[in-house]
Amino acid sequence: MATDAPETPAAPAAAVAPTPSDPRLKVLKKFHGKFLPKGILRDRHKTIMTRWNSGEDHGNVTVDELKTLLSDWRGTREKPPRLPKA
């Protein structure tokens, strides 16, 4: 007959550290499902994405490249400042 002893976990949950996430993913997710108009920004995004999908090391795409593209894209989406009415 089997004993009714409680099962002991192999490793305590506190000892298992989560793996650090890739900081590039945080920036890359901001482009998911967004519209990039035709032109230089879309071309830059396409070249970065082909490098990203090229292999295990993601084509050596850097966080700075992604942040620069994001800031340039946000700069094109800014509305012009409203002029005060006289």
Protein backbone atom coordinates (compact mmCIF):
# COMPACT_ATOMS: atom_id res chain seq x y z
CA MET A 1 0.00 0.00 0.00
CA ALA A 2 1.11 3.54 -0.68
CA THR A 3 1.83 5.88 2.15
CA ASP A 4 -0.07 9.13 2.41
CA ALA A 5 3.03 11.25 3.03
CA PRO A 6 2.92 14.77 1.60
CA GLU A 7 5.13 15.40 -1.40
CA THR A 8 8.14 17.60 -0.77
CA PRO A 9 9.09 20.08 -3.50
CA ALA A 10 12.40 19.47 -5.21
CA ALA A 11 13.53 23.10 -4.96
CA PRO A 12 12.07 25.90 -2.90
CA ALA A 13 10.33 28.61 -4.92
CA ALA A 14 12.31 31.41 -3.30
CA ALA A 15 15.62 29.97 -4.51
CA VAL A 16 14.59 30.05 -8.17
CA ALA A 17 15.41 33.46 -9.61
CA PRO A 18 13.49 34.60 -12.68
CA THR A 19 15.57 35.09 -15.77
CA PRO A 20 16.14 38.75 -16.62
CA SER A 21 14.10 39.86 -19.59
CA ASP A 22 15.67 41.39 -22.63
CA PRO A 23 15.43 45.21 -22.40
CA ARG A 24 15.08 45.35 -26.18
CA LEU A 25 11.73 43.59 -25.98
CA LYS A 26 10.25 46.37 -23.88
CA VAL A 27 11.00 48.90 -26.62
CA LEU A 28 10.16 46.54 -29.48
CA LYS A 29 6.68 45.84 -28.08
CA LYS A 30 5.77 49.50 -28.47
CA PHE A 31 5.78 49.06 -32.26
CA HIS A 32 3.50 46.01 -32.21
CA GLY A 33 0.27 46.80 -34.04
CA LYS A 34 1.21 50.42 -34.70
CA PHE A 35 1.08 52.15 -38.05
CA LEU A 36 4.32 53.43 -39.50
CA PRO A 37 3.75 55.66 -42.53
CA LYS A 38 5.63 55.02 -45.75
CA GLY A 39 9.04 56.55 -45.81
CA ILE A 40 12.28 56.51 -43.89
CA LEU A 41 10.80 55.33 -40.57
CA ARG A 42 9.07 52.32 -42.11
CA ASP A 43 12.25 51.39 -43.99
CA ARG A 44 14.31 51.63 -40.78
CA HIS A 45 11.74 49.50 -38.96
CA LYS A 46 11.79 46.87 -41.71
CA THR A 47 15.59 46.61 -41.68
CA ILE A 48 15.66 46.33 -37.88
CA MET A 49 12.96 43.64 -37.95
CA THR A 50 14.75 41.59 -40.62
CA ARG A 51 17.90 41.73 -38.48
CA TRP A 52 15.84 40.88 -35.37
CA ASN A 53 14.34 37.79 -37.03
CA SER A 54 17.67 36.69 -38.53
CA GLY A 55 18.93 34.51 -35.70
CA GLU A 56 19.32 33.64 -32.06
CA ASP A 57 21.21 36.81 -31.14
CA HIS A 58 18.56 38.96 -32.94
CA GLY A 59 21.05 40.39 -35.42
CA ASN A 60 22.83 42.45 -32.75
CA VAL A 61 20.00 44.98 -32.67
CA THR A 62 20.75 47.41 -29.85
CA VAL A 63 18.43 49.13 -27.42
CA ASP A 64 19.73 52.49 -28.64
CA GLU A 65 18.67 51.72 -32.22
CA LEU A 66 15.17 50.87 -31.08
CA LYS A 67 14.92 53.88 -28.77
CA THR A 68 16.10 56.21 -31.52
CA LEU A 69 13.50 54.83 -33.93
CA LEU A 70 10.81 55.15 -31.27
CA SER A 71 11.70 58.74 -30.43
CA ASP A 72 11.79 59.67 -34.15
CA TRP A 73 8.41 58.02 -34.68
CA ARG A 74 6.90 59.81 -31.69
CA GLY A 75 8.34 63.09 -32.98
CA THR A 76 6.38 62.72 -36.21
CA ARG A 77 3.17 62.09 -34.28
CA GLU A 78 3.38 65.20 -32.12
CA LYS A 79 0.69 67.77 -32.66
CA PRO A 80 1.82 71.32 -33.28
CA PRO A 81 1.43 73.64 -30.30
CA ARG A 82 -1.80 75.58 -30.13
CA LEU A 83 -1.50 79.29 -30.62
CA PRO A 84 -3.13 81.41 -27.91
CA LYS A 85 -6.19 83.32 -29.03
CA ALA A 86 -5.86 87.08 -28.78
